[in-house]
């Protein structure tokens, strides 16, 4: 989808320059401003930013391949997207999630054999996921990438790599620590057993139903 979107954006840009008899290697500032105005007509800021990103990537590639002297858009002021705070779940939404996990756990306990053990393990994992994400304020990507070495249960902390590869520390309260304790002591080993001849044991805290990282 990304490749198709980039091809569409760059193709439309090159077609527009060709119609105006402009050499794509050295378009004038007036040409670029005219195209920027065309892009902004009826399109959202996000759409404009995505198309400009594709066009500038194309020009940077052309410069690296010695097909053009440089990025002509470098001297053009382009619209910036406003910074948005990440959306977070409300307390009642967390309560509903945990209630759903509790129902899963109650149903799983009544199932016999290996299927029941796996269902219990997944429910314990889900509770630990929700409690940890809520306590430490983690993004989904941070939660999935967290490894065992980043977790300090004694101090109630978890270290994660956030946006821009910046490390930060999330604090874990008693509910999160209790959920993690139950998952790590009772459930993670069950999930590990689902893996088929793994080359190495996964270091990630949270595993899927096949014993692999999320």
N, C-alpha and C. Protein backbone atom coordinates (compact mmCIF):
# COMPACT_ATOMS: atom_id res chain seq x y z
N UNK A 1 0.82 -1.21 0.00
CA UNK A 1 0.00 0.00 0.00
C UNK A 1 0.86 1.27 0.00
N UNK A 2 1.96 1.23 0.76
CA UNK A 2 2.85 2.39 0.78
C UNK A 2 3.50 2.61 -0.57
N UNK A 3 3.96 1.53 -1.18
CA UNK A 3 4.60 1.64 -2.51
C UNK A 3 3.60 2.18 -3.53
N UNK A 4 2.37 1.69 -3.47
CA UNK A 4 1.35 2.14 -4.42
C UNK A 4 1.03 3.62 -4.20
N UNK A 5 0.93 4.03 -2.93
CA UNK A 5 0.63 5.44 -2.64
C UNK A 5 1.76 6.35 -3.11
N UNK A 6 3.02 5.93 -2.88
CA UNK A 6 4.17 6.72 -3.33
C UNK A 6 4.19 6.82 -4.85
N UNK A 7 3.94 5.71 -5.52
CA UNK A 7 3.95 5.71 -6.99
C UNK A 7 2.87 6.64 -7.54
N UNK A 8 1.72 6.63 -6.92
CA UNK A 8 0.62 7.50 -7.36
C UNK A 8 0.97 8.96 -7.16
N UNK A 9 1.52 9.29 -5.97
CA UNK A 9 1.86 10.68 -5.67
C UNK A 9 2.96 11.20 -6.60
N UNK A 10 4.01 10.41 -6.78
CA UNK A 10 5.13 10.84 -7.64
C UNK A 10 4.69 10.88 -9.10
N UNK A 11 3.89 9.91 -9.53
CA UNK A 11 3.42 9.89 -10.91
C UNK A 11 2.59 11.11 -11.25
N UNK A 12 1.68 11.50 -10.33
CA UNK A 12 0.85 12.67 -10.57
C UNK A 12 1.70 13.94 -10.63
N UNK A 13 2.70 14.01 -9.78
CA UNK A 13 3.61 15.16 -9.75
C UNK A 13 4.39 15.28 -11.05
N UNK A 14 4.97 14.17 -11.50
CA UNK A 14 5.75 14.20 -12.75
C UNK A 14 4.86 14.49 -13.96
N UNK A 15 3.64 13.97 -13.97
CA UNK A 15 2.71 14.26 -15.07
C UNK A 15 2.38 15.74 -15.12
N UNK A 16 2.19 16.34 -13.94
CA UNK A 16 1.87 17.77 -13.88
C UNK A 16 3.03 18.61 -14.41
N UNK A 17 4.26 18.25 -14.02
CA UNK A 17 5.43 18.97 -14.53
C UNK A 17 5.56 18.81 -16.04
N UNK A 18 5.32 17.61 -16.54
CA UNK A 18 5.43 17.36 -17.97
C UNK A 18 4.42 18.19 -18.76
N UNK A 19 3.19 18.29 -18.23
CA UNK A 19 2.17 19.09 -18.90
C UNK A 19 2.57 20.56 -19.00
N UNK A 20 3.35 21.03 -18.02
CA UNK A 20 3.80 22.42 -18.01
C UNK A 20 5.15 22.59 -18.70
N UNK A 21 5.67 21.49 -19.28
CA UNK A 21 6.97 21.50 -19.97
C UNK A 21 8.09 21.93 -19.03
N UNK A 22 8.06 21.39 -17.80
CA UNK A 22 9.06 21.71 -16.79
C UNK A 22 9.96 20.49 -16.61
N UNK A 23 11.27 20.72 -16.61
CA UNK A 23 12.23 19.65 -16.36
C UNK A 23 12.16 19.25 -14.87
N UNK A 24 11.80 18.01 -14.60
CA UNK A 24 11.62 17.58 -13.21
C UNK A 24 12.90 17.67 -12.40
N UNK A 25 14.06 17.68 -13.09
CA UNK A 25 15.34 17.74 -12.38
C UNK A 25 15.60 19.13 -11.80
N UNK A 26 15.05 20.17 -12.46
CA UNK A 26 15.32 21.55 -12.03
C UNK A 26 14.06 22.41 -12.09
N UNK A 27 13.01 22.03 -11.39
CA UNK A 27 11.81 22.88 -11.39
C UNK A 27 12.06 24.18 -10.65
N UNK A 28 11.47 25.26 -11.13
CA UNK A 28 11.62 26.56 -10.48
C UNK A 28 10.76 26.61 -9.22
N UNK A 29 11.11 27.56 -8.34
CA UNK A 29 10.33 27.71 -7.12
C UNK A 29 8.88 28.03 -7.43
N UNK A 30 8.65 28.82 -8.46
CA UNK A 30 7.28 29.18 -8.82
C UNK A 30 6.49 27.94 -9.23
N UNK A 31 7.15 27.00 -9.90
CA UNK A 31 6.48 25.75 -10.28
C UNK A 31 6.11 24.94 -9.03
N UNK A 32 7.03 24.86 -8.09
CA UNK A 32 6.79 24.08 -6.89
C UNK A 32 5.69 24.70 -6.04
N UNK A 33 5.70 26.04 -5.95
CA UNK A 33 4.65 26.71 -5.17
C UNK A 33 3.28 26.50 -5.84
N UNK A 34 3.27 26.52 -7.17
CA UNK A 34 2.01 26.29 -7.88
C UNK A 34 1.51 24.87 -7.64
N UNK A 35 2.44 23.92 -7.61
CA UNK A 35 2.01 22.54 -7.35
C UNK A 35 1.56 22.36 -5.91
N UNK A 36 2.22 23.05 -5.00
CA UNK A 36 1.82 22.99 -3.60
C UNK A 36 0.40 23.54 -3.42
N UNK A 37 0.10 24.63 -4.12
CA UNK A 37 -1.24 25.19 -4.06
C UNK A 37 -2.26 24.22 -4.64
N UNK A 38 -1.87 23.53 -5.71
CA UNK A 38 -2.77 22.54 -6.32
C UNK A 38 -3.03 21.40 -5.35
N UNK A 39 -1.97 20.94 -4.66
CA UNK A 39 -2.14 19.86 -3.70
C UNK A 39 -3.08 20.26 -2.57
N UNK A 40 -2.94 21.51 -2.12
CA UNK A 40 -3.72 21.95 -0.97
C UNK A 40 -5.17 22.24 -1.27
N UNK A 41 -5.54 22.26 -2.54
CA UNK A 41 -6.92 22.57 -2.90
C UNK A 41 -7.81 21.36 -2.64
N UNK A 42 -8.58 21.42 -1.57
CA UNK A 42 -9.54 20.35 -1.30
C UNK A 42 -8.96 19.13 -0.62
N UNK A 43 -7.69 19.13 -0.27
CA UNK A 43 -7.06 17.98 0.39
C UNK A 43 -6.73 18.33 1.83
N UNK A 44 -6.74 17.34 2.69
CA UNK A 44 -6.41 17.57 4.09
C UNK A 44 -4.91 17.78 4.25
N UNK A 45 -4.53 18.32 5.40
CA UNK A 45 -3.10 18.52 5.67
C UNK A 45 -2.35 17.20 5.70
N UNK A 46 -3.01 16.17 6.22
CA UNK A 46 -2.37 14.85 6.27
C UNK A 46 -2.09 14.33 4.88
N UNK A 47 -3.07 14.47 3.98
CA UNK A 47 -2.90 14.00 2.61
C UNK A 47 -1.79 14.76 1.90
N UNK A 48 -1.79 16.09 2.07
CA UNK A 48 -0.74 16.91 1.45
C UNK A 48 0.63 16.49 1.97
N UNK A 49 0.75 16.30 3.29
CA UNK A 49 2.02 15.92 3.89
C UNK A 49 2.50 14.57 3.37
N UNK A 50 1.59 13.61 3.21
CA UNK A 50 1.96 12.29 2.70
C UNK A 50 2.45 12.37 1.27
N UNK A 51 1.77 13.16 0.45
CA UNK A 51 2.18 13.28 -0.96
C UNK A 51 3.51 14.01 -1.09
N UNK A 52 3.70 15.04 -0.28
CA UNK A 52 4.99 15.75 -0.31
C UNK A 52 6.12 14.85 0.17
N UNK A 53 5.85 14.01 1.16
CA UNK A 53 6.88 13.07 1.63
C UNK A 53 7.31 12.14 0.52
N UNK A 54 6.36 11.67 -0.27
CA UNK A 54 6.69 10.79 -1.40
C UNK A 54 7.52 11.53 -2.44
N UNK A 55 7.14 12.76 -2.75
CA UNK A 55 7.84 13.54 -3.76
C UNK A 55 9.26 13.86 -3.33
N UNK A 56 9.41 14.25 -2.06
CA UNK A 56 10.75 14.59 -1.57
C UNK A 56 11.63 13.34 -1.49
N UNK A 57 11.04 12.21 -1.13
CA UNK A 57 11.80 10.95 -1.13
C UNK A 57 12.28 10.63 -2.54
N UNK A 58 11.43 10.88 -3.52
CA UNK A 58 11.81 10.65 -4.91
C UNK A 58 12.99 11.53 -5.31
N UNK A 59 12.93 12.82 -4.96
CA UNK A 59 14.01 13.73 -5.33
C UNK A 59 15.31 13.36 -4.60
N UNK A 60 15.23 12.95 -3.34
CA UNK A 60 16.44 12.54 -2.63
C UNK A 60 17.05 11.30 -3.26
N UNK A 61 16.20 10.37 -3.66
CA UNK A 61 16.69 9.17 -4.35
C UNK A 61 17.38 9.57 -5.66
N UNK A 62 16.75 10.46 -6.43
CA UNK A 62 17.32 10.89 -7.71
C UNK A 62 18.68 11.55 -7.50
N UNK A 63 18.82 12.32 -6.41
CA UNK A 63 20.10 12.97 -6.13
C UNK A 63 21.16 11.93 -5.77
N UNK A 64 20.79 10.93 -4.97
CA UNK A 64 21.75 9.88 -4.60
C UNK A 64 22.22 9.09 -5.81
N UNK A 65 21.32 8.92 -6.77
CA UNK A 65 21.66 8.17 -7.98
C UNK A 65 22.29 9.04 -9.06
N UNK A 66 22.58 10.31 -8.72
CA UNK A 66 23.17 11.27 -9.67
C UNK A 66 22.29 11.49 -10.90
N UNK A 67 20.98 11.41 -10.69
CA UNK A 67 20.04 11.69 -11.78
C UNK A 67 19.59 13.15 -11.76
N UNK A 68 19.82 13.83 -10.63
CA UNK A 68 19.41 15.22 -10.48
C UNK A 68 20.37 15.89 -9.49
N UNK A 69 20.46 17.21 -9.53
CA UNK A 69 21.43 17.90 -8.66
C UNK A 69 21.06 17.94 -7.18
N UNK A 70 19.82 17.75 -6.85
CA UNK A 70 19.43 17.81 -5.44
C UNK A 70 17.93 17.83 -5.28
N UNK A 71 17.50 18.14 -4.06
CA UNK A 71 16.07 18.20 -3.75
C UNK A 71 15.61 19.64 -3.90
N UNK A 72 14.86 19.96 -4.95
CA UNK A 72 14.42 21.35 -5.15
C UNK A 72 13.41 21.79 -4.10
N UNK A 73 12.80 20.85 -3.39
CA UNK A 73 11.82 21.19 -2.38
C UNK A 73 12.48 21.64 -1.07
N UNK A 74 13.79 21.48 -0.98
CA UNK A 74 14.48 21.83 0.26
C UNK A 74 14.34 23.29 0.64
N UNK A 75 14.17 24.16 -0.34
CA UNK A 75 14.07 25.60 -0.07
C UNK A 75 12.62 26.08 -0.03
N UNK A 76 11.66 25.16 -0.10
CA UNK A 76 10.25 25.53 -0.11
C UNK A 76 9.64 25.22 1.26
N UNK A 77 8.99 26.22 1.84
CA UNK A 77 8.30 26.01 3.12
C UNK A 77 7.04 25.19 2.87
N UNK A 78 6.95 24.06 3.51
CA UNK A 78 5.79 23.18 3.33
C UNK A 78 4.99 23.14 4.62
N UNK A 79 3.69 22.89 4.53
CA UNK A 79 2.86 22.88 5.75
C UNK A 79 3.26 21.76 6.70
N UNK A 80 3.22 22.06 7.99
CA UNK A 80 3.56 21.08 9.01
C UNK A 80 2.28 20.57 9.67
N UNK A 81 2.30 19.30 10.01
CA UNK A 81 1.16 18.72 10.71
C UNK A 81 1.21 19.12 12.17
N UNK A 82 0.08 19.43 12.77
CA UNK A 82 0.09 19.73 14.21
C UNK A 82 0.42 18.49 15.00
N UNK A 83 1.14 18.66 16.09
CA UNK A 83 1.47 17.52 16.94
C UNK A 83 0.23 17.11 17.73
N UNK A 84 -0.01 15.83 17.72
CA UNK A 84 -1.18 15.32 18.42
C UNK A 84 -0.74 14.42 19.57
N UNK A 85 -1.40 14.60 20.70
CA UNK A 85 -1.14 13.71 21.81
C UNK A 85 -1.76 12.35 21.52
N UNK A 86 -1.12 11.27 21.95
CA UNK A 86 -1.70 9.95 21.70
C UNK A 86 -3.03 9.80 22.41
N UNK A 87 -3.96 9.09 21.77
CA UNK A 87 -5.25 8.82 22.38
C UNK A 87 -5.08 7.77 23.47
N UNK A 88 -5.75 7.97 24.58
CA UNK A 88 -5.63 7.03 25.69
C UNK A 88 -7.02 6.52 26.06
N UNK A 89 -7.04 5.36 26.72
CA UNK A 89 -8.30 4.79 27.17
C UNK A 89 -8.74 5.43 28.47
N UNK A 90 -10.05 5.57 28.64
CA UNK A 90 -10.61 6.08 29.88
C UNK A 90 -10.66 4.95 30.91
N UNK A 91 -10.84 5.33 32.18
CA UNK A 91 -10.86 4.35 33.26
C UNK A 91 -11.96 3.32 33.07
N UNK A 92 -13.16 3.77 32.64
CA UNK A 92 -14.26 2.82 32.47
C UNK A 92 -13.99 1.85 31.33
N UNK A 93 -13.23 2.30 30.32
CA UNK A 93 -12.87 1.39 29.23
C UNK A 93 -11.90 0.32 29.72
N UNK A 94 -10.96 0.71 30.56
CA UNK A 94 -10.04 -0.26 31.16
C UNK A 94 -10.81 -1.26 32.01
N UNK A 95 -11.77 -0.76 32.78
CA UNK A 95 -12.58 -1.65 33.63
C UNK A 95 -13.32 -2.67 32.77
N UNK A 96 -13.85 -2.24 31.63
CA UNK A 96 -14.58 -3.18 30.76
C UNK A 96 -13.63 -4.21 30.16
N UNK A 97 -12.42 -3.77 29.81
CA UNK A 97 -11.43 -4.71 29.28
C UNK A 97 -11.09 -5.78 30.32
N UNK A 98 -10.85 -5.34 31.54
CA UNK A 98 -10.48 -6.28 32.60
C UNK A 98 -11.65 -7.21 32.93
N UNK A 99 -12.87 -6.69 32.87
CA UNK A 99 -14.03 -7.54 33.11
C UNK A 99 -14.14 -8.62 32.03
N UNK A 100 -13.84 -8.24 30.79
CA UNK A 100 -13.88 -9.22 29.70
C UNK A 100 -12.82 -10.30 29.90
N UNK A 101 -11.63 -9.89 30.37
CA UNK A 101 -10.57 -10.86 30.64
C UNK A 101 -10.97 -11.80 31.78
N UNK A 102 -11.63 -11.25 32.79
CA UNK A 102 -12.08 -12.08 33.91
C UNK A 102 -13.08 -13.14 33.44
N UNK A 103 -13.96 -12.75 32.52
CA UNK A 103 -14.92 -13.72 31.98
C UNK A 103 -14.21 -14.80 31.18
N UNK A 104 -13.19 -14.39 30.41
CA UNK A 104 -12.40 -15.38 29.66
C UNK A 104 -11.71 -16.35 30.60
N UNK A 105 -11.17 -15.83 31.68
CA UNK A 105 -10.46 -16.67 32.64
C UNK A 105 -11.42 -17.64 33.33
N UNK A 106 -12.62 -17.15 33.70
CA UNK A 106 -13.60 -18.02 34.34
C UNK A 106 -14.04 -19.15 33.40
N UNK A 107 -14.22 -18.81 32.12
CA UNK A 107 -14.61 -19.84 31.15
C UNK A 107 -13.47 -20.83 30.93
N UNK A 108 -12.22 -20.31 30.89
CA UNK A 108 -11.07 -21.16 30.60
C UNK A 108 -10.83 -22.18 31.71
N UNK A 109 -11.08 -21.78 32.96
CA UNK A 109 -10.84 -22.68 34.09
C UNK A 109 -11.68 -23.95 33.99
N UNK A 110 -12.86 -23.83 33.38
CA UNK A 110 -13.77 -24.98 33.28
C UNK A 110 -13.43 -25.90 32.11
N UNK A 111 -12.49 -25.49 31.25
CA UNK A 111 -12.16 -26.33 30.10
C UNK A 111 -11.14 -27.40 30.52
N UNK A 112 -11.34 -28.62 30.09
CA UNK A 112 -10.40 -29.68 30.47
C UNK A 112 -9.19 -29.75 29.54
N UNK A 113 -8.13 -30.37 30.02
CA UNK A 113 -6.98 -30.73 29.19
C UNK A 113 -6.13 -29.57 28.74
N UNK A 114 -5.28 -29.81 27.73
CA UNK A 114 -4.34 -28.80 27.24
C UNK A 114 -5.02 -27.54 26.71
N UNK A 115 -6.18 -27.72 26.08
CA UNK A 115 -6.88 -26.53 25.55
C UNK A 115 -7.26 -25.60 26.68
N UNK A 116 -7.68 -26.15 27.81
CA UNK A 116 -8.02 -25.32 28.96
C UNK A 116 -6.81 -24.63 29.54
N UNK A 117 -5.68 -25.34 29.62
CA UNK A 117 -4.46 -24.74 30.14
C UNK A 117 -4.02 -23.56 29.27
N UNK A 118 -4.11 -23.75 27.95
CA UNK A 118 -3.72 -22.68 27.05
C UNK A 118 -4.67 -21.48 27.20
N UNK A 119 -5.96 -21.74 27.31
CA UNK A 119 -6.92 -20.65 27.46
C UNK A 119 -6.67 -19.86 28.75
N UNK A 120 -6.36 -20.56 29.83
CA UNK A 120 -6.05 -19.89 31.09
C UNK A 120 -4.79 -19.04 30.93
N UNK A 121 -3.77 -19.58 30.28
CA UNK A 121 -2.52 -18.85 30.08
C UNK A 121 -2.76 -17.57 29.28
N UNK A 122 -3.58 -17.66 28.24
CA UNK A 122 -3.86 -16.49 27.41
C UNK A 122 -4.64 -15.43 28.20
N UNK A 123 -5.56 -15.88 29.04
CA UNK A 123 -6.32 -14.92 29.84
C UNK A 123 -5.42 -14.22 30.85
N UNK A 124 -4.52 -14.97 31.49
CA UNK A 124 -3.57 -14.36 32.42
C UNK A 124 -2.65 -13.39 31.70
N UNK A 125 -2.23 -13.75 30.49
CA UNK A 125 -1.41 -12.84 29.69
C UNK A 125 -2.17 -11.56 29.37
N UNK A 126 -3.44 -11.71 28.96
CA UNK A 126 -4.22 -10.54 28.60
C UNK A 126 -4.39 -9.58 29.78
N UNK A 127 -4.62 -10.15 30.97
CA UNK A 127 -4.75 -9.28 32.15
C UNK A 127 -3.43 -8.55 32.41
N UNK A 128 -2.31 -9.25 32.29
CA UNK A 128 -1.02 -8.61 32.49
C UNK A 128 -0.76 -7.54 31.44
N UNK A 129 -1.17 -7.79 30.20
CA UNK A 129 -1.02 -6.79 29.14
C UNK A 129 -1.78 -5.51 29.48
N UNK A 130 -3.05 -5.68 29.83
CA UNK A 130 -3.88 -4.50 30.09
C UNK A 130 -3.38 -3.74 31.32
N UNK A 131 -3.09 -4.46 32.39
CA UNK A 131 -2.65 -3.80 33.62
C UNK A 131 -1.32 -3.08 33.42
N UNK A 132 -0.40 -3.72 32.70
CA UNK A 132 0.92 -3.11 32.47
C UNK A 132 0.81 -1.88 31.58
N UNK A 133 0.05 -1.99 30.51
CA UNK A 133 -0.12 -0.85 29.61
C UNK A 133 -0.76 0.32 30.33
N UNK A 134 -1.76 0.04 31.16
CA UNK A 134 -2.48 1.10 31.86
C UNK A 134 -1.60 1.74 32.94
N UNK A 135 -0.89 0.91 33.72
CA UNK A 135 -0.06 1.44 34.81
C UNK A 135 1.09 2.28 34.29
N UNK A 136 1.77 1.78 33.25
CA UNK A 136 2.99 2.44 32.78
C UNK A 136 2.74 3.41 31.64
N UNK A 137 1.50 3.48 31.13
CA UNK A 137 1.20 4.39 30.03
C UNK A 137 1.95 4.04 28.76
N UNK A 138 1.95 2.76 28.39
CA UNK A 138 2.74 2.29 27.26
C UNK A 138 1.93 2.28 25.96
N UNK A 139 2.63 2.55 24.87
CA UNK A 139 2.05 2.32 23.56
C UNK A 139 2.06 0.82 23.28
N UNK A 140 1.22 0.40 22.33
CA UNK A 140 1.15 -1.01 21.97
C UNK A 140 2.51 -1.52 21.50
N UNK A 141 3.21 -0.72 20.67
CA UNK A 141 4.51 -1.14 20.15
C UNK A 141 5.53 -1.29 21.28
N UNK A 142 5.47 -0.41 22.27
CA UNK A 142 6.39 -0.49 23.40
C UNK A 142 6.11 -1.74 24.23
N UNK A 143 4.85 -2.03 24.41
CA UNK A 143 4.44 -3.19 25.19
C UNK A 143 4.89 -4.49 24.51
N UNK A 144 4.69 -4.56 23.20
CA UNK A 144 5.05 -5.78 22.47
C UNK A 144 6.55 -6.01 22.45
N UNK A 145 7.34 -4.93 22.43
CA UNK A 145 8.79 -5.06 22.33
C UNK A 145 9.49 -5.22 23.67
N UNK A 146 8.78 -5.03 24.78
CA UNK A 146 9.41 -5.11 26.10
C UNK A 146 9.98 -6.51 26.34
N UNK A 147 11.21 -6.58 26.83
CA UNK A 147 11.81 -7.89 27.08
C UNK A 147 11.98 -8.10 28.59
N UNK A 148 12.31 -9.33 28.94
CA UNK A 148 12.40 -9.69 30.34
C UNK A 148 13.46 -8.88 31.08
N UNK A 149 14.56 -8.55 30.39
CA UNK A 149 15.61 -7.77 31.02
C UNK A 149 15.21 -6.35 31.34
N UNK A 150 14.15 -5.86 30.70
CA UNK A 150 13.70 -4.49 30.95
C UNK A 150 12.75 -4.39 32.14
N UNK A 151 12.35 -5.53 32.68
CA UNK A 151 11.36 -5.56 33.75
C UNK A 151 12.05 -5.73 35.11
N UNK A 152 11.78 -4.80 36.01
CA UNK A 152 12.31 -4.87 37.37
C UNK A 152 11.12 -4.96 38.32
N UNK A 153 10.76 -6.19 38.69
CA UNK A 153 9.58 -6.36 39.53
C UNK A 153 9.83 -5.87 40.96
N UNK A 154 11.06 -5.93 41.41
CA UNK A 154 11.35 -5.49 42.78
C UNK A 154 11.12 -4.00 42.93
N UNK A 155 11.54 -3.24 41.93
CA UNK A 155 11.38 -1.79 41.98
C UNK A 155 10.08 -1.32 41.34
N UNK A 156 9.36 -2.25 40.68
CA UNK A 156 8.11 -1.88 40.02
C UNK A 156 8.32 -0.98 38.84
N UNK A 157 9.28 -1.35 37.97
CA UNK A 157 9.61 -0.52 36.81
C UNK A 157 9.74 -1.38 35.57
N UNK A 158 9.48 -0.75 34.43
CA UNK A 158 9.72 -1.41 33.14
C UNK A 158 10.33 -0.37 32.20
N UNK A 159 11.47 -0.71 31.59
CA UNK A 159 12.16 0.18 30.66
C UNK A 159 11.74 -0.17 29.24
N UNK A 160 11.37 0.85 28.47
CA UNK A 160 10.95 0.62 27.08
C UNK A 160 11.62 1.65 26.18
N UNK A 161 11.68 1.31 24.89
CA UNK A 161 12.16 2.25 23.88
C UNK A 161 10.95 2.88 23.22
N UNK A 162 10.82 4.19 23.37
CA UNK A 162 9.69 4.89 22.80
C UNK A 162 10.00 5.43 21.41
N UNK A 163 9.25 6.44 21.01
CA UNK A 163 9.46 7.05 19.70
C UNK A 163 10.84 7.69 19.65
N UNK A 164 11.48 7.58 18.49
CA UNK A 164 12.82 8.12 18.35
C UNK A 164 13.86 7.31 19.06
N UNK A 165 13.52 6.06 19.40
CA UNK A 165 14.45 5.14 20.09
C UNK A 165 14.91 5.72 21.42
N UNK A 166 14.06 6.50 22.07
CA UNK A 166 14.40 7.08 23.37
C UNK A 166 13.91 6.16 24.48
N UNK A 167 14.79 5.87 25.42
CA UNK A 167 14.43 4.99 26.52
C UNK A 167 13.67 5.77 27.58
N UNK A 168 12.64 5.15 28.11
CA UNK A 168 11.93 5.74 29.24
C UNK A 168 11.51 4.64 30.19
N UNK A 169 11.17 5.02 31.40
CA UNK A 169 10.83 4.07 32.45
C UNK A 169 9.36 4.24 32.82
N UNK A 170 8.62 3.12 32.77
CA UNK A 170 7.23 3.12 33.20
C UNK A 170 7.13 2.53 34.59
N UNK A 171 6.28 3.13 35.41
CA UNK A 171 6.11 2.68 36.79
C UNK A 171 4.91 1.73 36.88
N UNK A 172 5.07 0.66 37.64
CA UNK A 172 4.05 -0.37 37.77
C UNK A 172 3.49 -0.38 39.19
N UNK A 173 2.18 -0.28 39.30
CA UNK A 173 1.54 -0.35 40.60
C UNK A 173 1.28 -1.80 41.01
N UNK A 174 0.64 -1.96 42.16
CA UNK A 174 0.41 -3.30 42.69
C UNK A 174 -0.45 -4.17 41.76
N UNK A 175 -1.54 -3.66 41.19
CA UNK A 175 -2.34 -4.51 40.28
C UNK A 175 -1.53 -5.01 39.09
N UNK A 176 -0.71 -4.14 38.52
CA UNK A 176 0.10 -4.54 37.37
C UNK A 176 1.14 -5.58 37.78
N UNK A 177 1.78 -5.35 38.92
CA UNK A 177 2.80 -6.30 39.39
C UNK A 177 2.18 -7.65 39.71
N UNK A 178 0.99 -7.65 40.32
CA UNK A 178 0.32 -8.91 40.63
C UNK A 178 -0.05 -9.66 39.36
N UNK A 179 -0.55 -8.92 38.35
CA UNK A 179 -0.93 -9.56 37.08
C UNK A 179 0.30 -10.11 36.36
N UNK A 180 1.40 -9.34 36.40
CA UNK A 180 2.65 -9.81 35.79
C UNK A 180 3.19 -11.04 36.51
N UNK A 181 3.11 -11.04 37.83
CA UNK A 181 3.59 -12.18 38.61
C UNK A 181 2.83 -13.45 38.22
N UNK A 182 1.51 -13.35 38.14
CA UNK A 182 0.70 -14.52 37.77
C UNK A 182 1.03 -14.99 36.36
N UNK A 183 1.18 -14.04 35.45
CA UNK A 183 1.50 -14.40 34.06
C UNK A 183 2.87 -15.05 33.94
N UNK A 184 3.88 -14.44 34.54
CA UNK A 184 5.25 -14.93 34.40
C UNK A 184 5.46 -16.27 35.12
N UNK A 185 4.80 -16.45 36.25
CA UNK A 185 5.01 -17.67 37.03
C UNK A 185 4.13 -18.83 36.56
N UNK A 186 2.96 -18.55 36.03
CA UNK A 186 2.02 -19.61 35.71
C UNK A 186 1.73 -19.77 34.22
N UNK A 187 1.76 -18.67 33.46
CA UNK A 187 1.24 -18.71 32.10
C UNK A 187 2.31 -18.70 31.02
N UNK A 188 3.38 -17.94 31.22
CA UNK A 188 4.36 -17.79 30.14
C UNK A 188 4.99 -19.12 29.76
N UNK A 189 5.22 -19.99 30.73
CA UNK A 189 5.82 -21.29 30.44
C UNK A 189 4.86 -22.14 29.60
N UNK A 190 3.56 -21.99 29.81
CA UNK A 190 2.58 -22.71 29.00
C UNK A 190 2.62 -22.23 27.55
N UNK A 191 2.75 -20.91 27.37
CA UNK A 191 2.84 -20.37 26.02
C UNK A 191 4.15 -20.78 25.34
N UNK A 192 5.23 -20.79 26.11
CA UNK A 192 6.52 -21.23 25.55
C UNK A 192 6.43 -22.66 25.03
N UNK A 193 5.66 -23.50 25.71
CA UNK A 193 5.54 -24.90 25.32
C UNK A 193 4.81 -25.07 23.99
N UNK A 194 4.13 -24.01 23.52
CA UNK A 194 3.41 -24.11 22.25
C UNK A 194 4.34 -23.93 21.04
N UNK A 195 5.55 -23.43 21.29
CA UNK A 195 6.48 -23.18 20.18
C UNK A 195 7.00 -24.50 19.63
N UNK A 196 7.16 -24.55 18.32
CA UNK A 196 7.67 -25.74 17.66
C UNK A 196 9.17 -25.63 17.46
N UNK A 197 9.92 -26.39 18.23
CA UNK A 197 11.38 -26.44 18.11
C UNK A 197 12.00 -25.07 17.93
N UNK A 198 11.83 -24.16 18.90
CA UNK A 198 12.39 -22.82 18.74
C UNK A 198 13.91 -22.84 18.71
N UNK A 199 14.50 -21.96 17.88
CA UNK A 199 15.96 -21.86 17.82
C UNK A 199 16.51 -21.29 19.12
N UNK A 200 15.76 -20.38 19.73
CA UNK A 200 16.18 -19.76 20.99
C UNK A 200 14.93 -19.30 21.72
N UNK A 201 15.01 -19.27 23.03
CA UNK A 201 13.86 -18.81 23.80
C UNK A 201 13.66 -17.32 23.60
N UNK A 202 12.44 -16.88 23.34
CA UNK A 202 12.21 -15.44 23.12
C UNK A 202 12.45 -14.64 24.39
N UNK A 203 13.03 -13.48 24.21
CA UNK A 203 13.32 -12.62 25.35
C UNK A 203 12.16 -11.70 25.69
N UNK A 204 11.19 -11.55 24.78
CA UNK A 204 10.08 -10.65 25.00
C UNK A 204 9.21 -11.13 26.16
N UNK A 205 8.65 -10.19 26.89
CA UNK A 205 7.80 -10.54 28.03
C UNK A 205 6.53 -11.24 27.57
N UNK A 206 5.88 -10.67 26.59
CA UNK A 206 4.56 -11.16 26.19
C UNK A 206 4.64 -12.00 24.92
N UNK A 207 3.98 -13.16 24.97
CA UNK A 207 4.03 -14.12 23.87
C UNK A 207 2.61 -14.38 23.36
N UNK A 208 2.54 -14.86 22.10
CA UNK A 208 1.23 -15.22 21.55
C UNK A 208 0.93 -16.70 21.80
N UNK A 209 -0.13 -17.19 21.19
CA UNK A 209 -0.57 -18.57 21.46
C UNK A 209 0.36 -19.60 20.83
N UNK A 210 1.33 -19.16 20.03
CA UNK A 210 2.31 -20.08 19.45
C UNK A 210 3.66 -19.97 20.17
N UNK A 211 3.70 -19.29 21.28
CA UNK A 211 4.95 -19.14 22.02
C UNK A 211 5.92 -18.20 21.37
N UNK A 212 5.42 -17.29 20.51
CA UNK A 212 6.27 -16.34 19.82
C UNK A 212 5.96 -14.93 20.30
N UNK A 213 6.89 -13.98 20.09
CA UNK A 213 6.61 -12.59 20.47
C UNK A 213 5.36 -12.07 19.77
N UNK A 214 4.67 -11.16 20.42
CA UNK A 214 3.44 -10.58 19.84
C UNK A 214 3.74 -9.86 18.54
